[in-house]
């Protein structure tokens, strides 16, 4: 009986020990990773265009909503941007808020996106919008969006 109680106690300690909450340092590190990924995403959009950036940072099962349509999958997202080019428009964004799950596998951001358009007469129009992105940690440890 004593062996059974000892074995049960060891098993319970093991189970509860494996389910410890992440430290605040881990959570802040995960948030910093997501913020850095969001910045790299925006930077790539400026450097190589929206099609390249969205295809690069989409998860294989990523989804975007554009013009009341749902576009699913990394390659479909890249193709949508290739089929709908806007050479007269630039898009920049920066998250105002980043959060992450306690398991460290899902996170989200939201903030302000700035659309700048220059028409044929050279008139510049700037429009702000709010964005929200859901990020998922991939098997290789990288963050990719599953919803934008």
Protein backbone atom coordinates (compact mmCIF):
# COMPACT_ATOMS: atom_id res chain seq x y z
CA UNK A 1 0.00 0.00 0.00
CA UNK A 2 2.83 2.35 0.89
CA UNK A 3 4.44 1.71 -2.53
CA UNK A 4 1.15 2.49 -4.26
CA UNK A 5 0.77 5.80 -2.43
CA UNK A 6 4.39 6.72 -3.18
CA UNK A 7 3.96 5.84 -6.86
CA UNK A 8 0.70 7.79 -7.07
CA UNK A 9 2.33 10.83 -5.42
CA UNK A 10 5.23 10.73 -7.87
CA UNK A 11 2.83 10.46 -10.82
CA UNK A 12 0.77 13.42 -9.60
CA UNK A 13 3.87 15.55 -9.06
CA UNK A 14 5.02 14.69 -12.56
CA UNK A 15 1.67 15.55 -14.14
CA UNK A 16 1.29 18.85 -12.30
CA UNK A 17 4.94 19.72 -12.83
CA UNK A 18 4.54 19.38 -16.60
CA UNK A 19 1.65 21.81 -16.66
CA UNK A 20 3.45 24.80 -15.16
CA UNK A 21 2.51 28.25 -16.38
CA UNK A 22 5.00 30.09 -18.56
CA UNK A 23 7.10 32.77 -16.94
CA UNK A 24 6.44 36.42 -17.67
CA UNK A 25 9.81 36.47 -19.47
CA UNK A 26 8.64 33.69 -21.81
CA UNK A 27 5.40 35.52 -22.54
CA UNK A 28 7.24 38.77 -23.26
CA UNK A 29 9.69 36.88 -25.50
CA UNK A 30 6.80 35.39 -27.49
CA UNK A 31 5.18 38.81 -27.83
CA UNK A 32 8.50 40.25 -29.03
CA UNK A 33 8.79 37.44 -31.61
CA UNK A 34 5.31 38.24 -32.95
CA UNK A 35 6.05 41.99 -33.05
CA UNK A 36 9.31 41.33 -34.91
CA UNK A 37 7.50 39.07 -37.38
CA UNK A 38 4.84 41.73 -37.95
CA UNK A 39 7.59 44.31 -38.63
CA UNK A 40 9.41 41.97 -41.03
CA UNK A 41 6.08 41.34 -42.79
CA UNK A 42 5.47 45.08 -43.26
CA UNK A 43 9.09 45.67 -44.30
CA UNK A 44 8.88 42.92 -46.94
CA UNK A 45 5.67 44.48 -48.30
CA UNK A 46 7.56 47.76 -48.79
CA UNK A 47 10.58 46.07 -50.35
CA UNK A 48 9.08 43.35 -52.56
CA UNK A 49 5.35 44.11 -52.69
CA UNK A 50 2.19 42.83 -51.07
CA UNK A 51 1.98 39.57 -53.05
CA UNK A 52 5.42 38.43 -51.88
CA UNK A 53 4.88 39.59 -48.30
CA UNK A 54 1.45 38.03 -47.84
CA UNK A 55 2.49 34.75 -49.43
CA UNK A 56 5.67 34.63 -47.34
CA UNK A 57 3.98 35.30 -43.99
CA UNK A 58 0.80 33.25 -44.51
CA UNK A 59 0.57 29.89 -42.79
CA UNK A 60 -0.16 27.01 -45.18
CA UNK A 61 -3.80 27.20 -44.02
CA UNK A 62 -3.83 31.00 -43.73
CA UNK A 63 -6.95 32.98 -44.60
CA UNK A 64 -7.58 36.55 -45.71
CA UNK A 65 -10.85 38.36 -46.30
CA UNK A 66 -10.80 40.70 -49.29
CA UNK A 67 -13.74 42.29 -51.09
CA UNK A 68 -16.20 40.12 -49.17
CA UNK A 69 -14.39 36.95 -50.23
CA UNK A 70 -12.44 34.46 -48.19
CA UNK A 71 -9.13 33.44 -49.77
CA UNK A 72 -7.65 30.31 -48.20
CA UNK A 73 -4.13 28.97 -48.43
CA UNK A 74 -0.70 30.43 -48.86
CA UNK A 75 -0.48 30.20 -52.64
CA UNK A 76 -4.09 31.40 -53.16
CA UNK A 77 -3.31 34.47 -51.04
CA UNK A 78 -0.19 35.26 -53.07
CA UNK A 79 -2.14 34.74 -56.30
CA UNK A 80 -4.94 37.04 -55.16
CA UNK A 81 -2.45 39.86 -54.67
CA UNK A 82 -0.81 39.13 -58.03
CA UNK A 83 -4.23 39.21 -59.72
CA UNK A 84 -5.22 42.45 -57.95
CA UNK A 85 -2.14 44.67 -58.17
CA UNK A 86 -2.28 48.22 -56.93
CA UNK A 87 0.96 49.85 -58.09
CA UNK A 88 -0.50 53.25 -57.16
CA UNK A 89 -0.91 52.23 -53.52
CA UNK A 90 1.45 51.56 -50.66
CA UNK A 91 0.48 49.90 -47.42
CA UNK A 92 2.33 50.24 -44.14
CA UNK A 93 1.27 49.03 -40.73
CA UNK A 94 2.45 48.65 -37.19
CA UNK A 95 0.77 46.85 -34.31
CA UNK A 96 -0.47 48.92 -31.40
CA UNK A 97 -1.08 45.78 -29.36
CA UNK A 98 0.37 42.26 -29.25
CA UNK A 99 -0.79 39.36 -27.10
CA UNK A 100 -0.06 35.64 -26.98
CA UNK A 101 -1.69 32.56 -25.50
CA UNK A 102 -0.27 31.01 -22.35
CA UNK A 103 0.68 27.97 -24.42
CA UNK A 104 2.78 30.19 -26.70
CA UNK A 105 1.33 28.83 -29.92
CA UNK A 106 -1.25 31.49 -30.85
CA UNK A 107 -1.07 35.25 -30.76
CA UNK A 108 -2.75 38.27 -32.22
CA UNK A 109 -1.99 41.85 -33.13
CA UNK A 110 -4.01 44.88 -34.01
CA UNK A 111 -3.14 48.40 -34.98
CA UNK A 112 -3.26 51.02 -37.68
CA UNK A 113 -2.62 50.42 -41.35
CA UNK A 114 -1.92 53.35 -43.65
CA UNK A 115 -2.87 53.22 -47.32
CA UNK A 116 -1.19 55.86 -49.47
CA UNK A 117 -2.38 56.35 -53.05
CA UNK A 118 -1.04 58.70 -55.69
CA UNK A 119 -3.38 59.29 -58.61
CA UNK A 120 -2.48 60.17 -62.22
CA UNK A 121 -2.35 63.89 -61.39
CA UNK A 122 0.11 63.31 -58.55
CA UNK A 123 -2.45 63.89 -55.82
CA UNK A 124 -1.60 61.92 -52.73
CA UNK A 125 -4.38 60.42 -50.61
CA UNK A 126 -3.71 58.87 -47.22
CA UNK A 127 -6.28 56.64 -45.55
CA UNK A 128 -6.03 54.90 -42.21
CA UNK A 129 -7.68 51.62 -41.31
CA UNK A 130 -7.52 49.21 -38.41
CA UNK A 131 -6.06 45.75 -38.89
CA UNK A 132 -6.20 42.55 -36.87
CA UNK A 133 -3.97 39.56 -37.46
CA UNK A 134 -4.00 36.13 -35.80
CA UNK A 135 -0.59 34.44 -35.65
CA UNK A 136 0.21 30.75 -35.15
CA UNK A 137 3.58 29.28 -34.23
CA UNK A 138 4.69 26.82 -36.90
CA UNK A 139 6.49 23.52 -36.35
CA UNK A 140 9.82 25.22 -37.15
CA UNK A 141 9.19 27.85 -34.43
CA UNK A 142 8.36 30.69 -36.85
CA UNK A 143 5.16 32.73 -36.64
CA UNK A 144 2.79 32.84 -39.63
CA UNK A 145 -0.61 34.42 -39.89
CA UNK A 146 -3.73 32.25 -40.01
CA UNK A 147 -6.11 35.22 -40.33
CA UNK A 148 -5.60 38.69 -41.69
